[in-house]
Protein backbone atom coordinates (compact mmCIF):
# COMPACT_ATOMS: atom_id res chain seq x y z
CA UNK A 1 39.03 104.32 12.39
CA UNK A 2 35.28 104.82 11.97
CA UNK A 3 33.18 102.39 9.98
CA UNK A 4 30.91 103.86 7.34
CA UNK A 5 27.71 102.01 6.57
CA UNK A 6 27.20 100.88 2.95
CA UNK A 7 25.28 103.37 0.82
CA UNK A 8 22.30 101.86 -1.00
CA UNK A 9 20.69 103.89 -3.76
CA UNK A 10 16.97 103.09 -4.09
CA UNK A 11 15.07 104.21 -7.18
CA UNK A 12 11.34 104.79 -7.06
CA UNK A 13 11.67 105.33 -3.32
CA UNK A 14 8.21 106.84 -2.91
CA UNK A 15 6.53 104.09 -4.93
CA UNK A 16 5.29 100.68 -3.80
CA UNK A 17 8.41 98.56 -4.40
CA UNK A 18 11.09 101.20 -3.90
CA UNK A 19 9.36 102.58 -0.83
CA UNK A 20 9.19 99.14 0.70
CA UNK A 21 12.91 98.61 0.06
CA UNK A 22 13.94 102.02 1.40
CA UNK A 23 11.90 101.65 4.58
CA UNK A 24 13.10 98.09 5.22
CA UNK A 25 16.75 99.04 4.81
CA UNK A 26 16.36 102.05 7.10
CA UNK A 27 14.67 99.88 9.72
CA UNK A 28 17.74 97.62 9.94
CA UNK A 29 20.00 100.51 10.89
CA UNK A 30 22.78 98.89 8.84
CA UNK A 31 22.71 101.07 5.73
CA UNK A 32 22.71 104.61 4.49
CA UNK A 33 19.85 105.03 2.04
CA UNK A 34 19.83 107.42 -0.90
CA UNK A 35 16.17 107.57 -1.85
CA UNK A 36 15.47 108.69 -5.41
CA UNK A 37 12.29 110.56 -6.28
CA UNK A 38 11.19 113.17 -8.78
CA UNK A 39 9.32 115.02 -6.03
CA UNK A 40 11.33 115.44 -2.81
CA UNK A 41 8.54 117.62 -1.38
CA UNK A 42 6.00 114.79 -1.31
CA UNK A 43 4.74 113.47 2.03
CA UNK A 44 6.36 110.08 1.39
CA UNK A 45 9.71 111.69 0.63
CA UNK A 46 9.53 113.78 3.80
CA UNK A 47 8.70 110.65 5.81
CA UNK A 48 11.87 109.00 4.47
CA UNK A 49 13.93 112.04 5.48
CA UNK A 50 12.49 111.78 8.99
CA UNK A 51 13.72 108.17 9.14
CA UNK A 52 17.24 109.15 8.11
CA UNK A 53 17.26 108.77 4.33
CA UNK A 54 19.05 111.11 1.96
CA UNK A 55 16.23 112.04 -0.41
CA UNK A 56 17.67 112.74 -3.84
CA UNK A 57 15.80 114.37 -6.71
CA UNK A 58 16.46 112.36 -9.86
CA UNK A 59 14.89 111.17 -13.09
CA UNK A 60 16.13 107.85 -14.51
CA UNK A 61 15.63 109.18 -18.03
CA UNK A 62 18.36 111.81 -17.50
CA UNK A 63 21.92 110.47 -17.56
CA UNK A 64 23.38 113.23 -15.40
CA UNK A 65 20.75 112.54 -12.72
CA UNK A 66 21.59 108.84 -12.78
CA UNK A 67 25.31 109.58 -12.51
CA UNK A 68 24.82 111.89 -9.54
CA UNK A 69 22.60 109.30 -7.85
CA UNK A 70 24.97 106.36 -8.37
CA UNK A 71 28.15 108.26 -7.56
CA UNK A 72 29.42 107.00 -4.21
CA UNK A 73 26.79 104.27 -3.92
CA UNK A 74 27.87 100.75 -3.00
CA UNK A 75 24.63 99.05 -4.03
CA UNK A 76 21.77 100.16 -6.26
CA UNK A 77 18.19 98.94 -6.22
CA UNK A 78 16.56 99.65 -9.58
CA UNK A 79 12.90 99.54 -10.54
CA UNK A 80 11.67 101.25 -13.70
CA UNK A 81 8.05 102.18 -14.29
CA UNK A 82 6.78 101.09 -17.71
CA UNK A 83 3.40 102.71 -17.06
CA UNK A 84 4.87 106.14 -16.41
CA UNK A 85 3.17 108.57 -18.85
CA UNK A 86 6.57 109.39 -20.34
CA UNK A 87 6.86 105.74 -21.47
CA UNK A 88 3.41 104.20 -21.93
CA UNK A 89 1.73 104.13 -24.37
CA UNK A 90 3.62 106.35 -26.82
CA UNK A 91 7.32 105.78 -26.05
CA UNK A 92 7.64 102.16 -24.93
CA UNK A 93 11.29 101.82 -25.99
CA UNK A 94 12.18 104.38 -23.31
CA UNK A 95 12.28 101.78 -20.54
CA UNK A 96 14.99 99.84 -22.38
CA UNK A 97 16.87 103.09 -23.06
CA UNK A 98 16.84 103.87 -19.34
CA UNK A 99 18.38 100.45 -18.73
CA UNK A 100 21.22 101.29 -21.11
CA UNK A 101 21.80 104.63 -19.36
CA UNK A 102 21.93 102.94 -15.95
CA UNK A 103 24.37 100.30 -17.25
CA UNK A 104 26.67 102.92 -18.77
CA UNK A 105 26.75 104.96 -15.59
CA UNK A 106 27.09 101.96 -13.25
CA UNK A 107 30.19 100.86 -15.12
CA UNK A 108 31.58 104.38 -15.20
CA UNK A 109 31.26 104.98 -11.45
CA UNK A 110 32.33 101.45 -10.45
CA UNK A 111 29.10 100.32 -8.81
CA UNK A 112 29.64 97.16 -6.75
CA UNK A 113 26.21 95.53 -6.98
CA UNK A 114 22.97 96.17 -8.84
CA UNK A 115 19.68 94.66 -7.70
CA UNK A 116 17.01 94.77 -10.33
CA UNK A 117 13.22 94.34 -10.25
CA UNK A 118 12.25 92.37 -13.33
CA UNK A 119 9.53 90.39 -15.10
CA UNK A 120 9.57 87.13 -17.10
CA UNK A 121 10.37 86.91 -20.80
CA UNK A 122 7.23 86.37 -22.90
CA UNK A 123 9.03 86.33 -26.26
CA UNK A 124 12.03 83.98 -26.32
CA UNK A 125 10.67 80.48 -26.89
CA UNK A 126 7.12 81.75 -27.38
CA UNK A 127 7.46 83.52 -30.73
CA UNK A 128 4.63 81.60 -32.40
CA UNK A 129 2.13 82.94 -29.86
CA UNK A 130 2.92 86.60 -30.61
CA UNK A 131 2.43 87.87 -27.06
CA UNK A 132 2.51 91.66 -27.02
CA UNK A 133 3.43 92.11 -23.35
CA UNK A 134 5.86 94.94 -23.88
CA UNK A 135 6.30 95.83 -20.21
CA UNK A 136 7.61 92.29 -19.57
CA UNK A 137 9.93 92.37 -22.57
CA UNK A 138 11.39 95.80 -21.76
CA UNK A 139 12.63 94.58 -18.39
CA UNK A 140 14.07 91.44 -19.99
CA UNK A 141 15.97 93.64 -22.45
CA UNK A 142 17.33 95.74 -19.57
CA UNK A 143 18.74 92.61 -17.95
CA UNK A 144 20.39 91.53 -21.21
CA UNK A 145 22.01 94.96 -21.54
CA UNK A 146 23.31 94.93 -17.96
CA UNK A 147 24.64 91.38 -18.35
CA UNK A 148 26.99 92.60 -21.09
CA UNK A 149 28.77 94.88 -18.61
CA UNK A 150 31.21 94.00 -15.86
CA UNK A 151 28.63 94.70 -13.15
CA UNK A 152 27.52 92.35 -10.41
CA UNK A 153 23.79 91.90 -11.04
CA UNK A 154 21.10 90.28 -8.95
CA UNK A 155 17.69 89.99 -10.58
CA UNK A 156 14.54 89.33 -8.61
CA UNK A 157 11.16 88.87 -10.22
CA UNK A 158 8.07 90.36 -8.64
CA UNK A 159 4.87 89.74 -10.48
CA UNK A 160 1.16 90.05 -10.01
CA UNK A 161 0.65 92.84 -7.49
CA UNK A 162 -2.81 92.47 -6.00
CA UNK A 163 -3.62 96.09 -5.31
CA UNK A 164 -6.35 97.10 -7.77
CA UNK A 165 -8.45 94.16 -8.95
CA UNK A 166 -11.69 95.05 -10.67
CA UNK A 167 -14.42 94.30 -8.17
CA UNK A 168 -18.07 95.19 -8.61
CA UNK A 169 -21.32 94.63 -6.72
CA UNK A 170 -24.54 93.77 -8.55
CA UNK A 171 -28.09 94.82 -7.67
CA UNK A 172 -28.84 91.39 -6.19
CA UNK A 173 -26.06 91.81 -3.61
CA UNK A 174 -23.58 89.42 -5.22
CA UNK A 175 -20.13 90.66 -6.13
CA UNK A 176 -17.87 89.95 -9.08
CA UNK A 177 -14.11 89.67 -9.37
CA UNK A 178 -13.47 90.49 -13.04
CA UNK A 179 -10.33 89.33 -14.87
CA UNK A 180 -10.51 89.05 -18.68
CA UNK A 181 -9.47 85.88 -20.54
CA UNK A 182 -8.43 83.71 -17.59
CA UNK A 183 -10.08 80.57 -16.19
CA UNK A 184 -11.12 79.44 -12.71
CA UNK A 185 -8.06 77.20 -12.47
CA UNK A 186 -5.56 79.66 -13.97
CA UNK A 187 -2.84 80.16 -11.38
CA UNK A 188 -1.11 83.39 -10.49
CA UNK A 189 1.77 84.27 -8.19
CA UNK A 190 0.88 87.21 -5.99
CA UNK A 191 2.62 89.55 -3.59
CA UNK A 192 1.79 92.58 -1.51
CA UNK A 193 4.66 94.57 -2.96
CA UNK A 194 4.26 97.58 -0.69
CA UNK A 195 4.67 95.41 2.41
CA UNK A 196 6.88 92.52 1.34
CA UNK A 197 9.35 93.63 -1.35
CA UNK A 198 11.55 95.39 1.18
CA UNK A 199 12.10 92.56 3.66
CA UNK A 200 13.08 90.19 0.83
CA UNK A 201 15.53 92.63 -0.75
CA UNK A 202 16.97 93.64 2.65
CA UNK A 203 17.68 89.98 3.47
CA UNK A 204 19.38 89.46 0.12
CA UNK A 205 21.55 92.54 0.66
CA UNK A 206 22.43 91.28 4.15
CA UNK A 207 23.53 87.90 2.75
CA UNK A 208 25.57 89.62 0.05
CA UNK A 209 26.60 89.27 -3.60
CA UNK A 210 28.78 86.26 -2.87
CA UNK A 211 25.57 84.27 -2.40
CA UNK A 212 23.17 86.06 -4.71
CA UNK A 213 25.12 87.58 -7.60
CA UNK A 214 23.74 86.42 -10.94
CA UNK A 215 20.72 84.75 -9.37
CA UNK A 216 17.04 85.22 -10.15
CA UNK A 217 14.61 85.00 -7.25
CA UNK A 218 10.81 85.10 -7.30
CA UNK A 219 9.13 87.45 -4.85
CA UNK A 220 5.70 86.01 -4.13
CA UNK A 221 3.74 84.76 -1.17
CA UNK A 222 1.84 81.99 -2.93
CA UNK A 223 0.67 80.45 -6.18
CA UNK A 224 -3.11 80.65 -6.23
CA UNK A 225 -5.95 80.17 -8.72
CA UNK A 226 -8.27 83.00 -9.69
CA UNK A 227 -11.16 80.85 -8.51
CA UNK A 228 -9.53 80.55 -5.08
CA UNK A 229 -9.13 84.33 -4.94
CA UNK A 230 -12.89 84.69 -5.36
CA UNK A 231 -13.45 82.12 -2.58
CA UNK A 232 -11.15 84.03 -0.22
CA UNK A 233 -12.88 87.31 -0.99
CA UNK A 234 -16.18 85.65 -0.05
CA UNK A 235 -14.71 84.28 3.17
CA UNK A 236 -13.04 87.50 4.28
CA UNK A 237 -15.75 90.00 3.36
CA UNK A 238 -18.81 87.86 4.08
CA UNK A 239 -20.19 88.76 0.65
CA UNK A 240 -20.65 86.18 -2.12
CA UNK A 241 -18.01 86.68 -4.83
CA UNK A 242 -17.88 85.06 -8.24
CA UNK A 243 -15.04 85.16 -10.72
CA UNK A 244 -16.08 86.60 -14.06
CA UNK A 245 -13.76 86.14 -17.03
CA UNK A 246 -15.05 88.18 -19.98
CA UNK A 247 -13.85 87.51 -23.51
CA UNK A 248 -11.85 90.09 -25.42
CA UNK A 249 -15.02 91.26 -27.19
CA UNK A 250 -16.94 91.58 -23.90
CA UNK A 251 -14.06 93.46 -22.34
CA UNK A 252 -13.99 95.99 -25.17
CA UNK A 253 -17.73 96.58 -24.76
CA UNK A 254 -18.15 96.56 -20.97
CA UNK A 255 -14.76 97.50 -19.54
CA UNK A 256 -13.03 99.89 -21.95
CA UNK A 257 -10.44 100.81 -19.30
CA UNK A 258 -9.25 97.18 -19.43
CA UNK A 259 -9.29 97.13 -23.25
CA UNK A 260 -5.55 97.22 -23.84
CA UNK A 261 -3.72 94.74 -26.04
CA UNK A 262 -0.82 94.95 -23.59
CA UNK A 263 -2.95 94.00 -20.56
CA UNK A 264 -5.15 91.47 -22.33
CA UNK A 265 -2.12 89.66 -23.75
CA UNK A 266 -0.65 89.58 -20.25
CA UNK A 267 -3.80 87.80 -19.05
CA UNK A 268 -3.59 85.42 -22.02
CA UNK A 269 -0.02 84.65 -20.94
CA UNK A 270 -1.23 83.95 -17.39
CA UNK A 271 -3.89 81.61 -18.74
CA UNK A 272 -1.70 79.67 -21.15
CA UNK A 273 1.68 79.58 -19.40
CA UNK A 274 1.35 81.03 -15.94
CA UNK A 275 4.17 83.22 -14.73
CA UNK A 276 7.08 81.60 -12.99
CA UNK A 277 6.28 78.22 -14.50
CA UNK A 278 7.87 79.32 -17.79
CA UNK A 279 11.26 79.93 -16.16
CA UNK A 280 12.94 77.03 -14.33
CA UNK A 281 15.12 79.45 -12.34
CA UNK A 282 12.10 80.96 -10.58
CA UNK A 283 9.57 78.14 -10.77
CA UNK A 284 10.23 77.11 -7.16
CA UNK A 285 8.67 79.93 -5.15
CA UNK A 286 9.54 78.46 -1.74
CA UNK A 287 12.74 80.54 -1.64
CA UNK A 288 10.67 83.65 -0.94
CA UNK A 289 9.46 82.28 2.40
CA UNK A 290 13.01 81.30 3.31
CA UNK A 291 14.02 84.94 2.84
CA UNK A 292 10.85 86.36 4.41
CA UNK A 293 8.94 83.77 6.51
CA UNK A 294 6.14 86.19 7.44
CA UNK A 295 5.30 87.27 3.89
CA UNK A 296 1.65 88.31 3.46
CA UNK A 297 -0.79 85.74 2.07
CA UNK A 298 -3.67 86.86 -0.10
CA UNK A 299 -6.13 86.13 2.69
CA UNK A 300 -4.16 88.36 5.07
CA UNK A 301 -3.94 91.05 2.42
CA UNK A 302 -7.68 90.92 1.69
CA UNK A 303 -8.49 91.21 5.38
CA UNK A 304 -6.20 94.23 5.72
CA UNK A 305 -7.44 95.86 2.51
CA UNK A 306 -11.20 95.36 2.74
CA UNK A 307 -12.00 94.63 6.39
CA UNK A 308 -9.57 96.53 8.62
CA UNK A 309 -9.39 99.50 6.22
CA UNK A 310 -13.15 99.29 5.54
CA UNK A 311 -12.60 99.98 1.83
CA UNK A 312 -15.54 99.78 -0.54
CA UNK A 313 -15.55 97.76 -3.74
């Protein structure tokens, strides 16, 4: 009797998180991977096919697509994209609706295990502060919806993804790392999601739902201050960096592309409460290194991003 490898459905398989998960699972040789994308003709999708994935055209907003994708799957990895143009900024309730669709279909097809990329709750317990971080809250609402169903759920929380900080160089040769509303000693949990999401999720899948069902796990390499980030940028690049933290008014005037209530309130949340510190289940970030001992530090990431790749600021 032949043994069939478990089938893992991976949403967002050509994106940063989903791509990392799909590639890591394929590298183990232990799983069949159904890689979801809206564009199976993309270079990233073709690369997954070459590695043995079943690339599957699907849109999480369409119930029939979700049903076809989940049908026959043993495990599903779900990440939804709040900043997709179909959701942000004009239809922000859509992310929660997608969560309801996924829950309905998962129950219908008898999915064994759902692994979900989430964010912390900025509303419950913080009502008096009126944080308007909708992309955090939408993922919290998805988890609440899924918890009402008879589905085994594992929730991991991946937060500040250090891919596109605002860096600028002044005429005097000094450089600025610009983050509105925070302070030098504001801490942030960071992760190179494109490199490190997959190994963490693959290890959790290997260890199974008996160990991880119902758990929340942070995915982060370290807790670091914004001031320390500027120091590391100086060390790695050899150029003097200073952290600049403009006020809301300065941001509106100088950096209109950062002038979003959603993003500015997220930074206010960082400054006042941090990220994982508000949730005792994910406050201890050491579990990430247990799952993935070689996870990328910010210094390693900066060296790869701005020295080896020779990227400009």
